Amino acid sequence: MELRVLNSSKDEMELEIDNLTLVEILRVYLNKDSSVSFAAWRREHPTKNPVLLVRTKGKTAKKAINDAINGIVNDLDKIEKDFKGMK
């Protein structure tokens, strides 16, 4: 997976990520965070990588993205645990 920071400030970050599925999952988790005022992705053309834009209030954009990633990892760990416990 490739990730490229296109623009970064305290309350705004723009990332180019080469995985459309990951960008959409991040967008969903970011929008659950009350300190995120805007999270959406765009793609100029189907052959181009999606670009995720995140704007925050009350916490840094980097922290919001990190929190979203941690939430995804925690949910995946729970799913894996539940799946392994199935008979």
PDB file of N, CA and C in Angstrom:
ATOM      1  N   MET A   1       0.839  -1.174   0.000  1.00  0.00           N
ATOM      2  CA  MET A   1       0.000   0.000   0.000  1.00  0.00           C
ATOM      3  C   MET A   1       0.884   1.238   0.000  1.00  0.00           C
ATOM      4  N   GLU A   2       0.538   2.174  -0.843  1.00  0.00           N
ATOM      5  CA  GLU A   2       1.245   3.443  -0.891  1.00  0.00           C
ATOM      6  C   GLU A   2       0.350   4.545  -0.349  1.00  0.00           C
ATOM      7  N   LEU A   3       0.954   5.428   0.426  1.00  0.00           N
ATOM      8  CA  LEU A   3       0.255   6.570   0.992  1.00  0.00           C
ATOM      9  C   LEU A   3       1.144   7.784   0.773  1.00  0.00           C
ATOM     10  N   ARG A   4       0.579   8.837   0.244  1.00  0.00           N
ATOM     11  CA  ARG A   4       1.349  10.049  -0.009  1.00  0.00           C
ATOM     12  C   ARG A   4       0.596  11.239   0.563  1.00  0.00           C
ATOM     13  N   VAL A   5       1.259  12.023   1.394  1.00  0.00           N
ATOM     14  CA  VAL A   5       0.665  13.226   1.973  1.00  0.00           C
ATOM     15  C   VAL A   5       0.809  14.353   0.956  1.00  0.00           C
ATOM     16  N   LEU A   6      -0.319  14.864   0.499  1.00  0.00           N
ATOM     17  CA  LEU A   6      -0.309  15.940  -0.486  1.00  0.00           C
ATOM     18  C   LEU A   6      -0.333  17.315   0.163  1.00  0.00           C
ATOM     19  N   ASN A   7      -1.018  17.403   1.302  1.00  0.00           N
ATOM     20  CA  ASN A   7      -1.166  18.670   2.004  1.00  0.00           C
ATOM     21  C   ASN A   7      -1.384  18.355   3.475  1.00  0.00           C
ATOM     22  N   SER A   8      -0.706  19.086   4.341  1.00  0.00           N
ATOM     23  CA  SER A   8      -0.874  18.821   5.762  1.00  0.00           C
ATOM     24  C   SER A   8      -0.745  20.105   6.572  1.00  0.00           C
ATOM     25  N   SER A   9      -1.734  20.327   7.422  1.00  0.00           N
ATOM     26  CA  SER A   9      -1.678  21.405   8.398  1.00  0.00           C
ATOM     27  C   SER A   9      -2.288  20.842   9.681  1.00  0.00           C
ATOM     28  N   LYS A  10      -2.398  21.675  10.695  1.00  0.00           N
ATOM     29  CA  LYS A  10      -2.899  21.191  11.975  1.00  0.00           C
ATOM     30  C   LYS A  10      -4.297  20.580  11.860  1.00  0.00           C
ATOM     31  N   ASP A  11      -5.200  21.272  11.186  1.00  0.00           N
ATOM     32  CA  ASP A  11      -6.590  20.814  11.152  1.00  0.00           C
ATOM     33  C   ASP A  11      -7.061  20.346   9.772  1.00  0.00           C
ATOM     34  N   GLU A  12      -6.129  20.105   8.851  1.00  0.00           N
ATOM     35  CA  GLU A  12      -6.503  19.610   7.529  1.00  0.00           C
ATOM     36  C   GLU A  12      -5.387  18.753   6.957  1.00  0.00           C
ATOM     37  N   MET A  13      -5.781  17.635   6.357  1.00  0.00           N
ATOM     38  CA  MET A  13      -4.801  16.767   5.727  1.00  0.00           C
ATOM     39  C   MET A  13      -5.403  16.182   4.460  1.00  0.00           C
ATOM     40  N   GLU A  14      -4.577  16.101   3.432  1.00  0.00           N
ATOM     41  CA  GLU A  14      -4.990  15.533   2.163  1.00  0.00           C
ATOM     42  C   GLU A  14      -4.010  14.404   1.828  1.00  0.00           C
ATOM     43  N   LEU A  15      -4.568  13.191   1.666  1.00  0.00           N
ATOM     44  CA  LEU A  15      -3.748  12.005   1.439  1.00  0.00           C
ATOM     45  C   LEU A  15      -4.140  11.317   0.143  1.00  0.00           C
ATOM     46  N   GLU A  16      -3.139  10.866  -0.589  1.00  0.00           N
ATOM     47  CA  GLU A  16      -3.392  10.029  -1.759  1.00  0.00           C
ATOM     48  C   GLU A  16      -3.073   8.598  -1.343  1.00  0.00           C
ATOM     49  N   ILE A  17      -4.060   7.717  -1.470  1.00  0.00           N
ATOM     50  CA  ILE A  17      -3.911   6.321  -1.051  1.00  0.00           C
ATOM     51  C   ILE A  17      -4.255   5.457  -2.244  1.00  0.00           C
ATOM     52  N   ASP A  18      -3.453   4.436  -2.491  1.00  0.00           N
ATOM     53  CA  ASP A  18      -3.633   3.630  -3.699  1.00  0.00           C
ATOM     54  C   ASP A  18      -4.685   2.536  -3.571  1.00  0.00           C
ATOM     55  N   ASN A  19      -5.449   2.533  -2.487  1.00  0.00           N
ATOM     56  CA  ASN A  19      -6.433   1.486  -2.266  1.00  0.00           C
ATOM     57  C   ASN A  19      -7.802   2.108  -2.020  1.00  0.00           C
ATOM     58  N   LEU A  20      -8.712   1.940  -2.964  1.00  0.00           N
ATOM     59  CA  LEU A  20     -10.038   2.549  -2.879  1.00  0.00           C
ATOM     60  C   LEU A  20     -10.836   2.019  -1.687  1.00  0.00           C
ATOM     61  N   THR A  21     -10.715   0.736  -1.398  1.00  0.00           N
ATOM     62  CA  THR A  21     -11.440   0.144  -0.267  1.00  0.00           C
ATOM     63  C   THR A  21     -10.993   0.775   1.046  1.00  0.00           C
ATOM     64  N   LEU A  22      -9.697   0.918   1.226  1.00  0.00           N
ATOM     65  CA  LEU A  22      -9.167   1.508   2.451  1.00  0.00           C
ATOM     66  C   LEU A  22      -9.604   2.965   2.600  1.00  0.00           C
ATOM     67  N   VAL A  23      -9.604   3.706   1.513  1.00  0.00           N
ATOM     68  CA  VAL A  23     -10.033   5.110   1.570  1.00  0.00           C
ATOM     69  C   VAL A  23     -11.484   5.201   2.034  1.00  0.00           C
ATOM     70  N   GLU A  24     -12.344   4.329   1.517  1.00  0.00           N
ATOM     71  CA  GLU A  24     -13.762   4.363   1.894  1.00  0.00           C
ATOM     72  C   GLU A  24     -13.955   3.964   3.362  1.00  0.00           C
ATOM     73  N   ILE A  25     -13.238   2.959   3.822  1.00  0.00           N
ATOM     74  CA  ILE A  25     -13.338   2.545   5.226  1.00  0.00           C
ATOM     75  C   ILE A  25     -12.856   3.680   6.139  1.00  0.00           C
ATOM     76  N   LEU A  26     -11.745   4.305   5.780  1.00  0.00           N
ATOM     77  CA  LEU A  26     -11.245   5.441   6.571  1.00  0.00           C
ATOM     78  C   LEU A  26     -12.276   6.568   6.616  1.00  0.00           C
ATOM     79  N   ARG A  27     -12.890   6.869   5.484  1.00  0.00           N
ATOM     80  CA  ARG A  27     -13.904   7.925   5.436  1.00  0.00           C
ATOM     81  C   ARG A  27     -15.049   7.629   6.401  1.00  0.00           C
ATOM     82  N   VAL A  28     -15.511   6.390   6.410  1.00  0.00           N
ATOM     83  CA  VAL A  28     -16.622   6.005   7.287  1.00  0.00           C
ATOM     84  C   VAL A  28     -16.226   6.179   8.751  1.00  0.00           C
ATOM     85  N   TYR A  29     -15.065   5.681   9.130  1.00  0.00           N
ATOM     86  CA  TYR A  29     -14.629   5.790  10.525  1.00  0.00           C
ATOM     87  C   TYR A  29     -14.343   7.238  10.914  1.00  0.00           C
ATOM     88  N   LEU A  30     -13.782   8.017  10.005  1.00  0.00           N
ATOM     89  CA  LEU A  30     -13.529   9.428  10.306  1.00  0.00           C
ATOM     90  C   LEU A  30     -14.830  10.186  10.539  1.00  0.00           C
ATOM     91  N   ASN A  31     -15.854   9.885   9.765  1.00  0.00           N
ATOM     92  CA  ASN A  31     -17.132  10.587   9.921  1.00  0.00           C
ATOM     93  C   ASN A  31     -17.866  10.211  11.200  1.00  0.00           C
ATOM     94  N   LYS A  32     -17.444   9.150  11.876  1.00  0.00           N
ATOM     95  CA  LYS A  32     -18.010   8.798  13.185  1.00  0.00           C
ATOM     96  C   LYS A  32     -17.436   9.677  14.291  1.00  0.00           C
ATOM     97  N   ASP A  33     -16.302  10.315  14.037  1.00  0.00           N
ATOM     98  CA  ASP A  33     -15.599  11.138  15.021  1.00  0.00           C
ATOM     99  C   ASP A  33     -16.212  12.547  15.041  1.00  0.00           C
ATOM    100  N   SER A  34     -16.678  12.973  16.201  1.00  0.00           N
ATOM    101  CA  SER A  34     -17.341  14.279  16.309  1.00  0.00           C
ATOM    102  C   SER A  34     -16.383  15.448  16.076  1.00  0.00           C
ATOM    103  N   SER A  35     -15.089  15.237  16.204  1.00  0.00           N
ATOM    104  CA  SER A  35     -14.138  16.324  15.968  1.00  0.00           C
ATOM    105  C   SER A  35     -13.764  16.454  14.487  1.00  0.00           C
ATOM    106  N   VAL A  36     -14.249  15.557  13.660  1.00  0.00           N
ATOM    107  CA  VAL A  36     -14.004  15.643  12.221  1.00  0.00           C
ATOM    108  C   VAL A  36     -15.165  16.416  11.592  1.00  0.00           C
ATOM    109  N   SER A  37     -14.853  17.559  11.015  1.00  0.00           N
ATOM    110  CA  SER A  37     -15.895  18.373  10.394  1.00  0.00           C
ATOM    111  C   SER A  37     -16.132  17.982   8.935  1.00  0.00           C
ATOM    112  N   PHE A  38     -15.146  17.366   8.296  1.00  0.00           N
ATOM    113  CA  PHE A  38     -15.293  16.956   6.897  1.00  0.00           C
ATOM    114  C   PHE A  38     -14.319  15.820   6.604  1.00  0.00           C
ATOM    115  N   ALA A  39     -14.818  14.770   5.990  1.00  0.00           N
ATOM    116  CA  ALA A  39     -13.968  13.674   5.521  1.00  0.00           C
ATOM    117  C   ALA A  39     -14.611  13.092   4.265  1.00  0.00           C
ATOM    118  N   ALA A  40     -13.907  13.200   3.167  1.00  0.00           N
ATOM    119  CA  ALA A  40     -14.418  12.682   1.899  1.00  0.00           C
ATOM    120  C   ALA A  40     -13.243  12.414   0.973  1.00  0.00           C
ATOM    121  N   TRP A  41     -13.496  11.570  -0.004  1.00  0.00           N
ATOM    122  CA  TRP A  41     -12.461  11.305  -0.992  1.00  0.00           C
ATOM    123  C   TRP A  41     -12.979  11.619  -2.382  1.00  0.00           C
ATOM    124  N   ARG A  42     -12.040  11.847  -3.281  1.00  0.00           N
ATOM    125  CA  ARG A  42     -12.371  12.107  -4.676  1.00  0.00           C
ATOM    126  C   ARG A  42     -11.339  11.394  -5.545  1.00  0.00           C
ATOM    127  N   ARG A  43     -11.735  11.179  -6.768  1.00  0.00           N
ATOM    128  CA  ARG A  43     -10.816  10.558  -7.716  1.00  0.00           C
ATOM    129  C   ARG A  43     -11.025  11.251  -9.053  1.00  0.00           C
ATOM    130  N   GLU A  44      -9.960  11.823  -9.583  1.00  0.00           N
ATOM    131  CA  GLU A  44     -10.035  12.571 -10.832  1.00  0.00           C
ATOM    132  C   GLU A  44     -10.436  11.683 -12.007  1.00  0.00           C
ATOM    133  N   HIS A  45      -9.977  10.444 -11.984  1.00  0.00           N
ATOM    134  CA  HIS A  45     -10.220   9.519 -13.089  1.00  0.00           C
ATOM    135  C   HIS A  45     -10.056   8.104 -12.543  1.00  0.00           C
ATOM    136  N   PRO A  46     -10.773   7.120 -13.081  1.00  0.00           N
ATOM    137  CA  PRO A  46     -10.639   5.749 -12.565  1.00  0.00           C
ATOM    138  C   PRO A  46      -9.211   5.185 -12.588  1.00  0.00           C
ATOM    139  N   THR A  47      -8.353   5.748 -13.419  1.00  0.00           N
ATOM    140  CA  THR A  47      -6.954   5.279 -13.447  1.00  0.00           C
ATOM    141  C   THR A  47      -6.088   5.976 -12.405  1.00  0.00           C
ATOM    142  N   LYS A  48      -6.624   6.979 -11.738  1.00  0.00           N
ATOM    143  CA  LYS A  48      -5.883   7.732 -10.711  1.00  0.00           C
ATOM    144  C   LYS A  48      -6.229   7.219  -9.316  1.00  0.00           C
ATOM    145  N   ASN A  49      -5.315   7.430  -8.382  1.00  0.00           N
ATOM    146  CA  ASN A  49      -5.549   7.050  -6.989  1.00  0.00           C
ATOM    147  C   ASN A  49      -6.521   8.021  -6.326  1.00  0.00           C
ATOM    148  N   PRO A  50      -7.352   7.529  -5.405  1.00  0.00           N
ATOM    149  CA  PRO A  50      -8.252   8.426  -4.670  1.00  0.00           C
ATOM    150  C   PRO A  50      -7.473   9.317  -3.704  1.00  0.00           C
ATOM    151  N   VAL A  51      -8.024  10.492  -3.460  1.00  0.00           N
ATOM    152  CA  VAL A  51      -7.430  11.460  -2.538  1.00  0.00           C
ATOM    153  C   VAL A  51      -8.432  11.713  -1.421  1.00  0.00           C
ATOM    154  N   LEU A  52      -8.001  11.503  -0.187  1.00  0.00           N
ATOM    155  CA  LEU A  52      -8.835  11.688   0.999  1.00  0.00           C
ATOM    156  C   LEU A  52      -8.538  13.048   1.610  1.00  0.00           C
ATOM    157  N   LEU A  53      -9.586  13.827   1.859  1.00  0.00           N
ATOM    158  CA  LEU A  53      -9.449  15.127   2.506  1.00  0.00           C
ATOM    159  C   LEU A  53     -10.127  15.059   3.872  1.00  0.00           C
ATOM    160  N   VAL A  54      -9.397  15.468   4.902  1.00  0.00           N
ATOM    161  CA  VAL A  54      -9.901  15.427   6.282  1.00  0.00           C
ATOM    162  C   VAL A  54      -9.723  16.813   6.902  1.00  0.00           C
ATOM    163  N   ARG A  55     -10.816  17.350   7.450  1.00  0.00           N
ATOM    164  CA  ARG A  55     -10.774  18.611   8.201  1.00  0.00           C
ATOM    165  C   ARG A  55     -11.316  18.360   9.597  1.00  0.00           C
ATOM    166  N   THR A  56     -10.652  18.948  10.589  1.00  0.00           N
ATOM    167  CA  THR A  56     -11.044  18.705  11.977  1.00  0.00           C
ATOM    168  C   THR A  56     -11.208  20.011  12.751  1.00  0.00           C
ATOM    169  N   LYS A  57     -11.883  19.860  13.900  1.00  0.00           N
ATOM    170  CA  LYS A  57     -11.993  20.946  14.879  1.00  0.00           C
ATOM    171  C   LYS A  57     -11.816  20.296  16.241  1.00  0.00           C
ATOM    172  N   GLY A  58     -10.858  20.754  17.018  1.00  0.00           N
ATOM    173  CA  GLY A  58     -10.666  20.228  18.362  1.00  0.00           C
ATOM    174  C   GLY A  58      -9.568  19.189  18.494  1.00  0.00           C
ATOM    175  N   LYS A  59      -9.160  18.604  17.394  1.00  0.00           N
ATOM    176  CA  LYS A  59      -8.020  17.686  17.408  1.00  0.00           C
ATOM    177  C   LYS A  59      -7.336  17.793  16.055  1.00  0.00           C
ATOM    178  N   THR A  60      -6.090  17.396  16.008  1.00  0.00           N
ATOM    179  CA  THR A  60      -5.365  17.502  14.741  1.00  0.00           C
ATOM    180  C   THR A  60      -5.884  16.466  13.745  1.00  0.00           C
ATOM    181  N   ALA A  61      -5.734  16.776  12.491  1.00  0.00           N
ATOM    182  CA  ALA A  61      -6.159  15.846  11.434  1.00  0.00           C
ATOM    183  C   ALA A  61      -5.367  14.545  11.533  1.00  0.00           C
ATOM    184  N   LYS A  62      -4.093  14.642  11.839  1.00  0.00           N
ATOM    185  CA  LYS A  62      -3.258  13.443  11.969  1.00  0.00           C
ATOM    186  C   LYS A  62      -3.776  12.554  13.099  1.00  0.00           C
ATOM    187  N   LYS A  63      -4.148  13.150  14.221  1.00  0.00           N
ATOM    188  CA  LYS A  63      -4.679  12.387  15.355  1.00  0.00           C
ATOM    189  C   LYS A  63      -6.010  11.734  14.988  1.00  0.00           C
ATOM    190  N   ALA A  64      -6.863  12.455  14.270  1.00  0.00           N
ATOM    191  CA  ALA A  64      -8.156  11.901  13.855  1.00  0.00           C
ATOM    192  C   ALA A  64      -7.957  10.695  12.935  1.00  0.00           C
ATOM    193  N   ILE A  65      -7.025  10.799  12.003  1.00  0.00           N
ATOM    194  CA  ILE A  65      -6.740   9.681  11.098  1.00  0.00           C
ATOM    195  C   ILE A  65      -6.176   8.506  11.881  1.00  0.00           C
ATOM    196  N   ASN A  66      -5.264   8.785  12.796  1.00  0.00           N
ATOM    197  CA  ASN A  66      -4.686   7.731  13.631  1.00  0.00           C
ATOM    198  C   ASN A  66      -5.763   7.043  14.474  1.00  0.00           C
ATOM    199  N   ASP A  67      -6.688   7.820  15.040  1.00  0.00           N
ATOM    200  CA  ASP A  67      -7.790   7.248  15.828  1.00  0.00           C
ATOM    201  C   ASP A  67      -8.689   6.367  14.956  1.00  0.00           C
ATOM    202  N   ALA A  68      -8.952   6.814  13.721  1.00  0.00           N
ATOM    203  CA  ALA A  68      -9.776   6.022  12.807  1.00  0.00           C
ATOM    204  C   ALA A  68      -9.084   4.701  12.468  1.00  0.00           C
ATOM    205  N   ILE A  69      -7.794   4.750  12.224  1.00  0.00           N
ATOM    206  CA  ILE A  69      -7.040   3.529  11.914  1.00  0.00           C
ATOM    207  C   ILE A  69      -7.064   2.582  13.103  1.00  0.00           C
ATOM    208  N   ASN A  70      -6.886   3.112  14.305  1.00  0.00           N
ATOM    209  CA  ASN A  70      -6.950   2.272  15.504  1.00  0.00           C
ATOM    210  C   ASN A  70      -8.329   1.643  15.667  1.00  0.00           C
ATOM    211  N   GLY A  71      -9.389   2.391  15.357  1.00  0.00           N
ATOM    212  CA  GLY A  71     -10.741   1.853  15.423  1.00  0.00           C
ATOM    213  C   GLY A  71     -10.944   0.717  14.433  1.00  0.00           C
ATOM    214  N   ILE A  72     -10.414   0.872  13.233  1.00  0.00           N
ATOM    215  CA  ILE A  72     -10.503  -0.179  12.214  1.00  0.00           C
ATOM    216  C   ILE A  72      -9.769  -1.431  12.677  1.00  0.00           C
ATOM    217  N   VAL A  73      -8.564  -1.254  13.175  1.00  0.00           N
ATOM    218  CA  VAL A  73      -7.757  -2.394  13.646  1.00  0.00           C
ATOM    219  C   VAL A  73      -8.461  -3.114  14.791  1.00  0.00           C
ATOM    220  N   ASN A  74      -9.013  -2.357  15.729  1.00  0.00           N
ATOM    221  CA  ASN A  74      -9.724  -2.972  16.862  1.00  0.00           C
ATOM    222  C   ASN A  74     -10.932  -3.776  16.394  1.00  0.00           C
ATOM    223  N   ASP A  75     -11.697  -3.215  15.453  1.00  0.00           N
ATOM    224  CA  ASP A  75     -12.864  -3.936  14.935  1.00  0.00           C
ATOM    225  C   ASP A  75     -12.446  -5.190  14.174  1.00  0.00           C
ATOM    226  N   LEU A  76     -11.380  -5.108  13.403  1.00  0.00           N
ATOM    227  CA  LEU A  76     -10.891  -6.289  12.675  1.00  0.00           C
ATOM    228  C   LEU A  76     -10.386  -7.365  13.630  1.00  0.00           C
ATOM    229  N   ASP A  77      -9.712  -6.952  14.706  1.00  0.00           N
ATOM    230  CA  ASP A  77      -9.252  -7.917  15.717  1.00  0.00           C
ATOM    231  C   ASP A  77     -10.441  -8.629  16.362  1.00  0.00           C
ATOM    232  N   LYS A  78     -11.508  -7.874  16.641  1.00  0.00           N
ATOM    233  CA  LYS A  78     -12.699  -8.471  17.243  1.00  0.00           C
ATOM    234  C   LYS A  78     -13.358  -9.456  16.274  1.00  0.00           C
ATOM    235  N   ILE A  79     -13.447  -9.085  15.018  1.00  0.00           N
ATOM    236  CA  ILE A  79     -14.021  -9.977  14.012  1.00  0.00           C
ATOM    237  C   ILE A  79     -13.195 -11.251  13.899  1.00  0.00           C
ATOM    238  N   GLU A  80     -11.882 -11.100  13.891  1.00  0.00           N
ATOM    239  CA  GLU A  80     -11.006 -12.272  13.808  1.00  0.00           C
ATOM    240  C   GLU A  80     -11.189 -13.182  15.022  1.00  0.00           C
ATOM    241  N   LYS A  81     -11.262 -12.586  16.206  1.00  0.00           N
ATOM    242  CA  LYS A  81     -11.460 -13.363  17.432  1.00  0.00           C
ATOM    243  C   LYS A  81     -12.796 -14.098  17.397  1.00  0.00           C
ATOM    244  N   ASP A  82     -13.851 -13.378  16.994  1.00  0.00           N
ATOM    245  CA  ASP A  82     -15.168 -13.998  16.914  1.00  0.00           C
ATOM    246  C   ASP A  82     -15.191 -15.129  15.890  1.00  0.00           C
ATOM    247  N   PHE A  83     -14.518 -14.928  14.763  1.00  0.00           N
ATOM    248  CA  PHE A  83     -14.482 -15.949  13.718  1.00  0.00           C
ATOM    249  C   PHE A  83     -13.740 -17.184  14.191  1.00  0.00           C
ATOM    250  N   LYS A  84     -12.621 -16.992  14.877  1.00  0.00           N
ATOM    251  CA  LYS A  84     -11.858 -18.137  15.384  1.00  0.00           C
ATOM    252  C   LYS A  84     -12.622 -18.889  16.460  1.00  0.00           C
ATOM    253  N   GLY A  85     -13.528 -18.197  17.165  1.00  0.00           N
ATOM    254  CA  GLY A  85     -14.318 -18.840  18.209  1.00  0.00           C
ATOM    255  C   GLY A  85     -15.527 -19.590  17.685  1.00  0.00           C
ATOM    256  N   MET A  86     -15.813 -19.480  16.414  1.00  0.00           N
ATOM    257  CA  MET A  86     -16.952 -20.183  15.819  1.00  0.00           C
ATOM    258  C   MET A  86     -16.647 -21.669  15.682  1.00  0.00           C
ATOM    259  N   LYS A  87     -17.680 -22.471  15.798  1.00  0.00           N
ATOM    260  CA  LYS A  87     -17.496 -23.917  15.633  1.00  0.00           C
ATOM    261  C   LYS A  87     -18.319 -24.414  14.504  1.00  0.00           C
TER     262      LYS A  87
END
